[in-house]
């Protein structure tokens, strides 16, 4: 067979290796399912799921999701706060969580920081960071407030101690990158439906959604002590019921 002289050269120089941030931005569909509006909303779900894991571990009880006027999002919980001490890699544990794939406290079967977890792959925060134009994380831990800012997944500087506090928790504010996503405007109804379901599925958890985009901010709170029982009652509200009382089991 004759060789195609016009074929591109394929040798050792053709082999490329991308760092995690570059790969996430090049192939966002592998991590959030695409670049459409559904994928953009998935960024919120990733950070909220991390907060729910802290609630499942028994260290948090409230999550607040805030839509700002510029369509950036803040997710805040009252958990222990992401560790901020220096990691074995030489950077803060916070920066490891926010910039490295498969990093977190959910992998160990025994002795890990989370006995129960909704997410075990350890990519959520790093993916959200890489796909955001800006991302700011504030950690309230050990009586101190720690802060680190990022631009498209790249730290703008090291983690800083910026104040003192008597509370604990993690606050993440991010703005989806319009270089990645087709749409960067959040739909409050979409977030409402998702957050309501998560509150139903995590009995006792309190989730608050605040939309600041109107002249008068709109606030919704989701809190269901009945959990799945209330969920079934909710979806059956306009339907003919086979049983008046929801039957459920716990183990």
C-alpha atoms as a PDB file:
ATOM      1  CA  UNK A   1       0.000   0.000   0.000  1.00  0.00           C
ATOM      2  CA  UNK A   2       1.367   3.396  -0.954  1.00  0.00           C
ATOM      3  CA  UNK A   3       2.125   5.778   1.878  1.00  0.00           C
ATOM      4  CA  UNK A   4       0.056   8.935   2.115  1.00  0.00           C
ATOM      5  CA  UNK A   5       2.639  11.693   1.992  1.00  0.00           C
ATOM      6  CA  UNK A   6       0.020  14.180   3.191  1.00  0.00           C
ATOM      7  CA  UNK A   7      -0.737  12.239   6.387  1.00  0.00           C
ATOM      8  CA  UNK A   8       0.125  14.084   9.606  1.00  0.00           C
ATOM      9  CA  UNK A   9       3.279  13.051  11.414  1.00  0.00           C
ATOM     10  CA  UNK A  10       2.679  10.588  14.264  1.00  0.00           C
ATOM     11  CA  UNK A  11       5.703  10.254  16.545  1.00  0.00           C
ATOM     12  CA  UNK A  12       6.664  10.855  20.190  1.00  0.00           C
ATOM     13  CA  UNK A  13       5.961  14.579  19.816  1.00  0.00           C
ATOM     14  CA  UNK A  14       2.332  13.755  18.986  1.00  0.00           C
ATOM     15  CA  UNK A  15       1.688  12.395  22.481  1.00  0.00           C
ATOM     16  CA  UNK A  16       0.233  14.994  24.831  1.00  0.00           C
ATOM     17  CA  UNK A  17      -0.406  14.822  28.554  1.00  0.00           C
ATOM     18  CA  UNK A  18      -2.942  17.202  30.049  1.00  0.00           C
ATOM     19  CA  UNK A  19      -3.106  18.166  33.692  1.00  0.00           C
ATOM     20  CA  UNK A  20      -6.496  17.633  35.407  1.00  0.00           C
ATOM     21  CA  UNK A  21      -7.643  21.230  34.983  1.00  0.00           C
ATOM     22  CA  UNK A  22      -6.810  21.259  31.276  1.00  0.00           C
ATOM     23  CA  UNK A  23      -8.614  17.970  30.697  1.00  0.00           C
ATOM     24  CA  UNK A  24     -11.734  19.085  32.578  1.00  0.00           C
ATOM     25  CA  UNK A  25     -11.943  22.261  30.507  1.00  0.00           C
ATOM     26  CA  UNK A  26     -11.221  20.432  27.246  1.00  0.00           C
ATOM     27  CA  UNK A  27     -13.727  17.622  27.893  1.00  0.00           C
ATOM     28  CA  UNK A  28     -16.353  18.977  30.329  1.00  0.00           C
ATOM     29  CA  UNK A  29     -18.862  16.414  29.081  1.00  0.00           C
ATOM     30  CA  UNK A  30     -16.896  13.655  30.813  1.00  0.00           C
ATOM     31  CA  UNK A  31     -17.450  15.364  34.164  1.00  0.00           C
ATOM     32  CA  UNK A  32     -20.750  17.274  34.054  1.00  0.00           C
ATOM     33  CA  UNK A  33     -22.427  15.790  30.987  1.00  0.00           C
ATOM     34  CA  UNK A  34     -21.927  18.603  28.491  1.00  0.00           C
ATOM     35  CA  UNK A  35     -21.933  22.388  28.238  1.00  0.00           C
ATOM     36  CA  UNK A  36     -25.674  23.068  28.133  1.00  0.00           C
ATOM     37  CA  UNK A  37     -27.906  24.562  30.827  1.00  0.00           C
ATOM     38  CA  UNK A  38     -28.410  21.167  32.466  1.00  0.00           C
ATOM     39  CA  UNK A  39     -24.651  20.711  32.809  1.00  0.00           C
ATOM     40  CA  UNK A  40     -24.295  24.199  34.258  1.00  0.00           C
ATOM     41  CA  UNK A  41     -26.853  23.398  36.969  1.00  0.00           C
ATOM     42  CA  UNK A  42     -24.849  20.258  37.712  1.00  0.00           C
ATOM     43  CA  UNK A  43     -22.102  22.484  39.150  1.00  0.00           C
ATOM     44  CA  UNK A  44     -24.461  23.486  41.954  1.00  0.00           C
ATOM     45  CA  UNK A  45     -25.433  19.870  42.590  1.00  0.00           C
ATOM     46  CA  UNK A  46     -21.796  18.842  42.986  1.00  0.00           C
ATOM     47  CA  UNK A  47     -21.105  21.404  45.715  1.00  0.00           C
ATOM     48  CA  UNK A  48     -24.441  20.745  47.426  1.00  0.00           C
ATOM     49  CA  UNK A  49     -23.762  16.987  47.378  1.00  0.00           C
ATOM     50  CA  UNK A  50     -20.454  17.614  49.152  1.00  0.00           C
ATOM     51  CA  UNK A  51     -22.303  19.610  51.802  1.00  0.00           C
ATOM     52  CA  UNK A  52     -24.889  16.844  52.178  1.00  0.00           C
ATOM     53  CA  UNK A  53     -22.083  14.345  52.803  1.00  0.00           C
ATOM     54  CA  UNK A  54     -21.071  16.492  55.781  1.00  0.00           C
ATOM     55  CA  UNK A  55     -24.664  16.328  56.991  1.00  0.00           C
ATOM     56  CA  UNK A  56     -24.792  12.549  56.537  1.00  0.00           C
ATOM     57  CA  UNK A  57     -21.626  12.293  58.611  1.00  0.00           C
ATOM     58  CA  UNK A  58     -23.427  14.132  61.407  1.00  0.00           C
ATOM     59  CA  UNK A  59     -21.396  17.339  61.288  1.00  0.00           C
ATOM     60  CA  UNK A  60     -23.821  19.707  59.528  1.00  0.00           C
ATOM     61  CA  UNK A  61     -27.546  20.398  59.581  1.00  0.00           C
ATOM     62  CA  UNK A  62     -28.106  23.347  57.249  1.00  0.00           C
ATOM     63  CA  UNK A  63     -27.176  24.231  53.665  1.00  0.00           C
ATOM     64  CA  UNK A  64     -27.805  27.624  52.105  1.00  0.00           C
ATOM     65  CA  UNK A  65     -27.764  28.129  48.331  1.00  0.00           C
ATOM     66  CA  UNK A  66     -27.756  31.715  47.111  1.00  0.00           C
ATOM     67  CA  UNK A  67     -28.156  32.943  43.509  1.00  0.00           C
ATOM     68  CA  UNK A  68     -26.497  36.351  43.166  1.00  0.00           C
ATOM     69  CA  UNK A  69     -27.465  39.113  40.749  1.00  0.00           C
ATOM     70  CA  UNK A  70     -24.564  38.254  38.422  1.00  0.00           C
ATOM     71  CA  UNK A  71     -25.656  34.570  38.362  1.00  0.00           C
ATOM     72  CA  UNK A  72     -22.823  33.450  40.569  1.00  0.00           C
ATOM     73  CA  UNK A  73     -23.745  30.895  43.225  1.00  0.00           C
ATOM     74  CA  UNK A  74     -22.858  30.580  46.890  1.00  0.00           C
ATOM     75  CA  UNK A  75     -23.260  27.268  48.713  1.00  0.00           C
ATOM     76  CA  UNK A  76     -22.651  27.406  52.459  1.00  0.00           C
ATOM     77  CA  UNK A  77     -22.921  24.720  55.133  1.00  0.00           C
ATOM     78  CA  UNK A  78     -22.389  24.607  58.885  1.00  0.00           C
ATOM     79  CA  UNK A  79     -20.146  21.536  58.899  1.00  0.00           C
ATOM     80  CA  UNK A  80     -16.609  21.148  60.239  1.00  0.00           C
ATOM     81  CA  UNK A  81     -14.995  23.060  57.395  1.00  0.00           C
ATOM     82  CA  UNK A  82     -12.591  21.634  54.817  1.00  0.00           C
ATOM     83  CA  UNK A  83      -9.151  20.996  56.407  1.00  0.00           C
ATOM     84  CA  UNK A  84      -6.733  23.827  55.667  1.00  0.00           C
ATOM     85  CA  UNK A  85      -3.476  22.489  57.095  1.00  0.00           C
ATOM     86  CA  UNK A  86      -0.517  21.738  54.817  1.00  0.00           C
ATOM     87  CA  UNK A  87      -0.970  18.469  52.940  1.00  0.00           C
ATOM     88  CA  UNK A  88       1.812  15.960  52.228  1.00  0.00           C
ATOM     89  CA  UNK A  89       1.943  17.395  48.689  1.00  0.00           C
ATOM     90  CA  UNK A  90       3.222  20.694  50.087  1.00  0.00           C
ATOM     91  CA  UNK A  91       0.061  22.736  49.516  1.00  0.00           C
ATOM     92  CA  UNK A  92      -2.934  23.239  51.785  1.00  0.00           C
ATOM     93  CA  UNK A  93      -5.482  20.437  52.047  1.00  0.00           C
ATOM     94  CA  UNK A  94      -8.047  22.979  50.838  1.00  0.00           C
ATOM     95  CA  UNK A  95      -6.113  23.545  47.615  1.00  0.00           C
ATOM     96  CA  UNK A  96      -5.756  19.791  47.129  1.00  0.00           C
ATOM     97  CA  UNK A  97      -9.534  19.369  47.351  1.00  0.00           C
ATOM     98  CA  UNK A  98     -10.173  22.282  44.989  1.00  0.00           C
ATOM     99  CA  UNK A  99      -7.565  21.477  42.320  1.00  0.00           C
ATOM    100  CA  UNK A 100      -6.811  17.739  42.340  1.00  0.00           C
ATOM    101  CA  UNK A 101      -9.040  14.964  41.031  1.00  0.00           C
ATOM    102  CA  UNK A 102      -9.861  12.013  43.292  1.00  0.00           C
ATOM    103  CA  UNK A 103      -9.015  13.940  46.453  1.00  0.00           C
ATOM    104  CA  UNK A 104     -11.189  13.814  49.555  1.00  0.00           C
ATOM    105  CA  UNK A 105     -11.968  12.126  52.836  1.00  0.00           C
ATOM    106  CA  UNK A 106     -14.416   9.532  51.488  1.00  0.00           C
ATOM    107  CA  UNK A 107     -12.255   6.747  50.108  1.00  0.00           C
ATOM    108  CA  UNK A 108     -11.211   4.733  53.140  1.00  0.00           C
ATOM    109  CA  UNK A 109     -13.479   1.844  54.031  1.00  0.00           C
ATOM    110  CA  UNK A 110     -12.320   2.121  57.636  1.00  0.00           C
ATOM    111  CA  UNK A 111     -11.075   5.167  59.463  1.00  0.00           C
ATOM    112  CA  UNK A 112     -12.083   7.683  56.810  1.00  0.00           C
ATOM    113  CA  UNK A 113     -13.573  11.071  57.618  1.00  0.00           C
ATOM    114  CA  UNK A 114     -16.956   9.953  56.249  1.00  0.00           C
ATOM    115  CA  UNK A 115     -18.689   6.737  57.288  1.00  0.00           C
ATOM    116  CA  UNK A 116     -21.594   7.498  54.941  1.00  0.00           C
ATOM    117  CA  UNK A 117     -21.213   9.387  51.684  1.00  0.00           C
ATOM    118  CA  UNK A 118     -23.305  10.235  48.663  1.00  0.00           C
ATOM    119  CA  UNK A 119     -20.257  10.855  46.496  1.00  0.00           C
ATOM    120  CA  UNK A 120     -17.127   8.729  46.465  1.00  0.00           C
ATOM    121  CA  UNK A 121     -15.311   9.761  43.301  1.00  0.00           C
ATOM    122  CA  UNK A 122     -13.636  12.894  44.723  1.00  0.00           C
ATOM    123  CA  UNK A 123     -13.930  15.096  41.641  1.00  0.00           C
ATOM    124  CA  UNK A 124     -16.823  17.457  42.429  1.00  0.00           C
ATOM    125  CA  UNK A 125     -15.117  20.518  43.890  1.00  0.00           C
ATOM    126  CA  UNK A 126     -12.144  20.394  41.504  1.00  0.00           C
ATOM    127  CA  UNK A 127     -14.450  20.108  38.487  1.00  0.00           C
ATOM    128  CA  UNK A 128     -16.623  23.016  39.598  1.00  0.00           C
ATOM    129  CA  UNK A 129     -13.503  25.102  40.195  1.00  0.00           C
ATOM    130  CA  UNK A 130     -12.007  24.311  36.787  1.00  0.00           C
ATOM    131  CA  UNK A 131     -15.264  25.142  34.968  1.00  0.00           C
ATOM    132  CA  UNK A 132     -15.834  28.426  36.813  1.00  0.00           C
ATOM    133  CA  UNK A 133     -14.656  31.856  35.744  1.00  0.00           C
ATOM    134  CA  UNK A 134     -14.060  32.626  39.409  1.00  0.00           C
ATOM    135  CA  UNK A 135     -14.288  30.527  42.554  1.00  0.00           C
ATOM    136  CA  UNK A 136     -13.794  31.691  46.134  1.00  0.00           C
ATOM    137  CA  UNK A 137     -13.745  29.284  49.070  1.00  0.00           C
ATOM    138  CA  UNK A 138     -14.023  30.421  52.672  1.00  0.00           C
ATOM    139  CA  UNK A 139     -13.485  27.936  55.490  1.00  0.00           C
ATOM    140  CA  UNK A 140     -14.553  28.566  59.071  1.00  0.00           C
ATOM    141  CA  UNK A 141     -12.510  26.198  61.195  1.00  0.00           C
ATOM    142  CA  UNK A 142     -10.533  26.199  64.433  1.00  0.00           C
ATOM    143  CA  UNK A 143     -11.643  29.712  65.336  1.00  0.00           C
ATOM    144  CA  UNK A 144     -10.192  31.147  62.106  1.00  0.00           C
ATOM    145  CA  UNK A 145     -11.528  32.204  58.704  1.00  0.00           C
ATOM    146  CA  UNK A 146      -9.441  30.909  55.799  1.00  0.00           C
ATOM    147  CA  UNK A 147      -9.892  32.009  52.200  1.00  0.00           C
ATOM    148  CA  UNK A 148      -8.555  31.106  48.778  1.00  0.00           C
ATOM    149  CA  UNK A 149      -9.528  32.460  45.356  1.00  0.00           C
ATOM    150  CA  UNK A 150      -9.237  30.795  41.948  1.00  0.00           C
ATOM    151  CA  UNK A 151      -9.580  31.823  38.319  1.00  0.00           C
ATOM    152  CA  UNK A 152     -10.655  29.040  35.952  1.00  0.00           C
ATOM    153  CA  UNK A 153      -9.229  26.509  38.386  1.00  0.00           C
ATOM    154  CA  UNK A 154      -5.876  28.232  38.949  1.00  0.00           C
ATOM    155  CA  UNK A 155      -5.139  29.549  42.466  1.00  0.00           C
ATOM    156  CA  UNK A 156      -4.728  33.331  42.511  1.00  0.00           C
ATOM    157  CA  UNK A 157      -2.548  32.931  45.571  1.00  0.00           C
ATOM    158  CA  UNK A 158      -2.050  30.645  48.551  1.00  0.00           C
ATOM    159  CA  UNK A 159      -4.683  30.053  51.195  1.00  0.00           C
ATOM    160  CA  UNK A 160      -4.900  33.027  53.564  1.00  0.00           C
ATOM    161  CA  UNK A 161      -6.102  33.478  57.124  1.00  0.00           C
ATOM    162  CA  UNK A 162      -8.411  36.497  56.956  1.00  0.00           C
ATOM    163  CA  UNK A 163     -10.145  36.670  60.319  1.00  0.00           C
ATOM    164  CA  UNK A 164     -11.491  35.001  63.416  1.00  0.00           C
ATOM    165  CA  UNK A 165     -14.826  33.261  63.948  1.00  0.00           C
ATOM    166  CA  UNK A 166     -16.797  31.275  66.474  1.00  0.00           C
ATOM    167  CA  UNK A 167     -18.528  29.157  63.844  1.00  0.00           C
ATOM    168  CA  UNK A 168     -17.586  26.312  61.535  1.00  0.00           C
ATOM    169  CA  UNK A 169     -18.429  25.513  57.938  1.00  0.00           C
ATOM    170  CA  UNK A 170     -17.501  25.901  54.289  1.00  0.00           C
ATOM    171  CA  UNK A 171     -18.666  28.626  51.898  1.00  0.00           C
ATOM    172  CA  UNK A 172     -18.067  28.250  48.157  1.00  0.00           C
ATOM    173  CA  UNK A 173     -18.899  31.024  45.682  1.00  0.00           C
ATOM    174  CA  UNK A 174     -18.445  30.356  41.970  1.00  0.00           C
ATOM    175  CA  UNK A 175     -19.491  31.765  38.601  1.00  0.00           C
ATOM    176  CA  UNK A 176     -19.833  29.375  35.638  1.00  0.00           C
ATOM    177  CA  UNK A 177     -17.391  30.170  32.852  1.00  0.00           C
ATOM    178  CA  UNK A 178     -19.078  31.554  29.733  1.00  0.00           C
ATOM    179  CA  UNK A 179     -16.112  30.248  27.739  1.00  0.00           C
ATOM    180  CA  UNK A 180     -17.355  26.741  28.595  1.00  0.00           C
ATOM    181  CA  UNK A 181     -21.133  26.885  28.987  1.00  0.00           C
ATOM    182  CA  UNK A 182     -23.711  27.832  26.373  1.00  0.00           C
ATOM    183  CA  UNK A 183     -25.902  29.472  29.035  1.00  0.00           C
ATOM    184  CA  UNK A 184     -24.815  30.944  32.375  1.00  0.00           C
ATOM    185  CA  UNK A 185     -28.175  32.001  33.824  1.00  0.00           C
ATOM    186  CA  UNK A 186     -29.593  29.788  36.541  1.00  0.00           C
ATOM    187  CA  UNK A 187     -33.217  28.684  36.624  1.00  0.00           C
ATOM    188  CA  UNK A 188     -34.653  29.022  40.128  1.00  0.00           C
ATOM    189  CA  UNK A 189     -37.395  26.461  39.438  1.00  0.00           C
ATOM    190  CA  UNK A 190     -34.816  23.851  38.410  1.00  0.00           C
ATOM    191  CA  UNK A 191     -32.822  24.417  41.584  1.00  0.00           C
ATOM    192  CA  UNK A 192     -35.999  24.441  43.683  1.00  0.00           C
ATOM    193  CA  UNK A 193     -37.051  21.018  42.410  1.00  0.00           C
ATOM    194  CA  UNK A 194     -33.632  19.502  43.027  1.00  0.00           C
ATOM    195  CA  UNK A 195     -33.117  20.997  46.481  1.00  0.00           C
ATOM    196  CA  UNK A 196     -36.618  20.000  47.577  1.00  0.00           C
ATOM    197  CA  UNK A 197     -35.932  16.393  46.565  1.00  0.00           C
ATOM    198  CA  UNK A 198     -32.620  16.391  48.430  1.00  0.00           C
ATOM    199  CA  UNK A 199     -34.331  17.709  51.567  1.00  0.00           C
ATOM    200  CA  UNK A 200     -36.963  14.971  51.310  1.00  0.00           C
ATOM    201  CA  UNK A 201     -34.285  12.309  50.872  1.00  0.00           C
ATOM    202  CA  UNK A 202     -32.230  13.555  53.832  1.00  0.00           C
ATOM    203  CA  UNK A 203     -34.657  13.705  56.723  1.00  0.00           C
ATOM    204  CA  UNK A 204     -34.124  16.627  59.068  1.00  0.00           C
ATOM    205  CA  UNK A 205     -31.731  18.475  56.759  1.00  0.00           C
ATOM    206  CA  UNK A 206     -32.575  22.146  56.276  1.00  0.00           C
ATOM    207  CA  UNK A 207     -31.877  23.604  52.810  1.00  0.00           C
ATOM    208  CA  UNK A 208     -32.486  27.271  52.062  1.00  0.00           C
ATOM    209  CA  UNK A 209     -32.571  28.746  48.528  1.00  0.00           C
ATOM    210  CA  UNK A 210     -32.265  32.520  48.147  1.00  0.00           C
ATOM    211  CA  UNK A 211     -32.622  34.212  44.752  1.00  0.00           C
ATOM    212  CA  UNK A 212     -31.214  37.759  44.839  1.00  0.00           C
ATOM    213  CA  UNK A 213     -31.894  38.564  41.186  1.00  0.00           C
ATOM    214  CA  UNK A 214     -35.243  40.285  41.797  1.00  0.00           C
ATOM    215  CA  UNK A 215     -35.581  43.654  43.524  1.00  0.00           C
ATOM    216  CA  UNK A 216     -36.914  41.739  46.515  1.00  0.00           C
ATOM    217  CA  UNK A 217     -34.926  38.529  47.114  1.00  0.00           C
ATOM    218  CA  UNK A 218     -37.006  35.357  47.142  1.00  0.00           C
ATOM    219  CA  UNK A 219     -36.336  32.775  49.836  1.00  0.00           C
ATOM    220  CA  UNK A 220     -37.526  29.179  50.053  1.00  0.00           C
ATOM    221  CA  UNK A 221     -36.824  26.706  52.812  1.00  0.00           C
ATOM    222  CA  UNK A 222     -36.978  22.924  52.546  1.00  0.00           C
ATOM    223  CA  UNK A 223     -37.064  20.905  55.750  1.00  0.00           C
ATOM    224  CA  UNK A 224     -38.909  17.619  56.168  1.00  0.00           C
ATOM    225  CA  UNK A 225     -38.768  15.659  59.399  1.00  0.00           C
ATOM    226  CA  UNK A 226     -40.893  12.984  57.721  1.00  0.00           C
ATOM    227  CA  UNK A 227     -38.307  12.342  54.997  1.00  0.00           C
ATOM    228  CA  UNK A 228     -39.446   9.808  52.406  1.00  0.00           C
ATOM    229  CA  UNK A 229     -42.924   9.602  53.924  1.00  0.00           C
ATOM    230  CA  UNK A 230     -43.448  13.304  53.259  1.00  0.00           C
ATOM    231  CA  UNK A 231     -41.928  12.865  49.793  1.00  0.00           C
ATOM    232  CA  UNK A 232     -44.513  10.233  48.865  1.00  0.00           C
ATOM    233  CA  UNK A 233     -47.286  12.392  50.327  1.00  0.00           C
ATOM    234  CA  UNK A 234     -46.008  15.341  48.280  1.00  0.00           C
ATOM    235  CA  UNK A 235     -45.998  13.521  44.929  1.00  0.00           C
ATOM    236  CA  UNK A 236     -49.403  11.959  45.698  1.00  0.00           C
ATOM    237  CA  UNK A 237     -51.092  15.256  46.546  1.00  0.00           C
ATOM    238  CA  UNK A 238     -53.071  15.458  43.313  1.00  0.00           C
ATOM    239  CA  UNK A 239     -53.448  11.719  42.748  1.00  0.00           C
ATOM    240  CA  UNK A 240     -55.892   9.070  43.864  1.00  0.00           C
ATOM    241  CA  UNK A 241     -54.213   7.149  46.672  1.00  0.00           C
ATOM    242  CA  UNK A 242     -54.272   3.373  47.071  1.00  0.00           C
ATOM    243  CA  UNK A 243     -53.505   3.767  50.780  1.00  0.00           C
ATOM    244  CA  UNK A 244     -54.263   6.741  53.002  1.00  0.00           C
ATOM    245  CA  UNK A 245     -51.222   6.062  55.150  1.00  0.00           C
ATOM    246  CA  UNK A 246     -47.749   5.685  53.662  1.00  0.00           C
ATOM    247  CA  UNK A 247     -46.138   2.407  54.684  1.00  0.00           C
ATOM    248  CA  UNK A 248     -42.384   2.504  55.236  1.00  0.00           C
ATOM    249  CA  UNK A 249     -39.631   0.547  56.945  1.00  0.00           C
ATOM    250  CA  UNK A 250     -36.366   1.560  58.604  1.00  0.00           C
ATOM    251  CA  UNK A 251     -33.283  -0.557  59.125  1.00  0.00           C
END
